[in-house]
């Protein structure tokens, strides 16, 4: 099963949470060693985002993210896991699960060449 792991900021964490969190550099090698890491990226600051939509045939572009929230998507990773339990275990090892949030979503199969 493939999952997208959205890495999200969250100001609602304590200093104790941050102290107990694993290092940023420990998760990536662990996920690669497990054979679960497919791809991932860190995103630029949310202030650089643009929201694009087409209404009445006109393209509208707004600056910033589409959600006005203190929580921001910081990046994402694509994971190949045996199921939800493995995906959750990997997400829980990521530092951001301790000082932010991780959202896991199974990737929908579009029925293309890869399934």
Protein backbone atom coordinates (compact mmCIF):
# COMPACT_ATOMS: atom_id res chain seq x y z
CA UNK A 1 0.00 0.00 0.00
CA UNK A 2 1.22 3.49 -0.78
CA UNK A 3 0.63 6.40 1.54
CA UNK A 4 1.24 10.11 1.48
CA UNK A 5 2.61 11.34 4.79
CA UNK A 6 1.83 15.05 5.11
CA UNK A 7 4.19 16.76 7.54
CA UNK A 8 2.35 19.55 9.31
CA UNK A 9 3.40 22.24 11.78
CA UNK A 10 1.51 22.57 15.04
CA UNK A 11 2.31 25.25 17.62
CA UNK A 12 0.56 23.19 20.31
CA UNK A 13 3.51 21.19 21.65
CA UNK A 14 5.60 21.47 24.79
CA UNK A 15 9.31 21.75 25.39
CA UNK A 16 9.12 18.23 26.84
CA UNK A 17 7.65 16.98 23.55
CA UNK A 18 10.50 18.61 21.62
CA UNK A 19 13.15 17.18 23.96
CA UNK A 20 11.74 13.64 23.61
CA UNK A 21 11.48 13.87 19.82
CA UNK A 22 13.97 12.02 17.63
CA UNK A 23 16.35 14.08 15.50
CA UNK A 24 15.26 15.26 12.06
CA UNK A 25 18.14 13.31 10.53
CA UNK A 26 17.23 9.92 12.03
CA UNK A 27 13.92 9.26 10.26
CA UNK A 28 15.00 9.34 6.61
CA UNK A 29 17.73 6.66 6.85
CA UNK A 30 15.39 4.48 8.95
CA UNK A 31 12.58 4.70 6.36
CA UNK A 32 15.03 3.93 3.52
CA UNK A 33 16.48 0.94 5.42
CA UNK A 34 12.95 -0.43 5.89
CA UNK A 35 12.33 -0.07 2.15
CA UNK A 36 9.34 2.19 2.85
CA UNK A 37 10.64 5.54 1.60
CA UNK A 38 9.67 6.23 -2.01
CA UNK A 39 10.02 10.00 -2.31
CA UNK A 40 9.61 13.17 -0.29
CA UNK A 41 10.20 16.89 -0.25
CA UNK A 42 10.31 19.83 2.10
CA UNK A 43 8.21 22.74 0.96
CA UNK A 44 9.10 26.42 0.84
CA UNK A 45 7.51 28.74 3.39
CA UNK A 46 3.70 28.85 3.10
CA UNK A 47 3.88 32.60 2.47
CA UNK A 48 5.31 31.79 -0.99
CA UNK A 49 2.27 29.67 -1.96
CA UNK A 50 -0.30 30.59 -4.59
CA UNK A 51 -3.85 29.31 -4.79
CA UNK A 52 -5.16 28.93 -8.34
CA UNK A 53 -8.77 28.42 -9.35
CA UNK A 54 -10.85 29.06 -12.44
CA UNK A 55 -14.28 30.70 -12.05
CA UNK A 56 -16.49 31.78 -14.91
CA UNK A 57 -13.64 31.03 -17.31
CA UNK A 58 -11.20 33.37 -15.51
CA UNK A 59 -8.07 32.24 -13.70
CA UNK A 60 -7.86 33.66 -10.19
CA UNK A 61 -4.61 33.59 -8.23
CA UNK A 62 -4.36 34.36 -4.52
CA UNK A 63 -1.19 34.64 -2.45
CA UNK A 64 -0.68 32.32 0.50
CA UNK A 65 -2.22 28.97 1.33
CA UNK A 66 -5.87 28.04 0.84
CA UNK A 67 -6.36 27.50 4.58
CA UNK A 68 -5.96 30.36 7.03
CA UNK A 69 -4.56 28.39 9.94
CA UNK A 70 -1.58 28.31 12.28
CA UNK A 71 -0.89 24.77 11.10
CA UNK A 72 0.94 24.60 7.77
CA UNK A 73 1.96 21.73 5.49
CA UNK A 74 5.76 21.67 5.65
CA UNK A 75 6.40 18.77 3.30
CA UNK A 76 5.39 15.28 2.37
CA UNK A 77 6.74 11.80 1.81
CA UNK A 78 5.46 8.89 -0.22
CA UNK A 79 5.67 5.61 1.69
CA UNK A 80 5.34 2.02 0.51
CA UNK A 81 4.09 0.02 3.49
CA UNK A 82 2.55 -3.35 4.22
CA UNK A 83 -0.48 -1.61 5.71
CA UNK A 84 -1.71 1.03 8.12
CA UNK A 85 0.21 -0.36 11.11
CA UNK A 86 3.55 0.04 9.36
CA UNK A 87 2.65 3.50 8.04
CA UNK A 88 1.62 4.62 11.53
CA UNK A 89 4.81 3.20 13.07
CA UNK A 90 6.93 5.12 10.54
CA UNK A 91 4.96 8.33 11.07
CA UNK A 92 5.36 8.06 14.85
CA UNK A 93 9.16 7.89 14.43
CA UNK A 94 9.22 11.20 12.55
CA UNK A 95 10.23 14.20 14.68
CA UNK A 96 7.27 16.18 13.39
CA UNK A 97 4.85 13.70 15.01
CA UNK A 98 6.26 14.93 18.34
CA UNK A 99 6.38 18.67 17.64
CA UNK A 100 3.73 18.92 14.92
CA UNK A 101 1.37 16.51 13.23
CA UNK A 102 1.57 13.82 10.61
CA UNK A 103 -1.40 13.12 8.37
CA UNK A 104 -1.38 9.77 6.58
CA UNK A 105 -3.55 9.16 3.54
CA UNK A 106 -3.64 6.08 1.39
CA UNK A 107 -2.97 6.85 -2.26
CA UNK A 108 -5.95 6.11 -4.47
CA UNK A 109 -5.26 3.78 -7.37
CA UNK A 110 -6.19 5.39 -10.66
CA UNK A 111 -6.01 2.03 -12.47
CA UNK A 112 -3.00 3.06 -14.54
CA UNK A 113 -0.01 0.92 -15.50
CA UNK A 114 1.15 0.66 -11.88
CA UNK A 115 -2.19 -0.41 -10.54
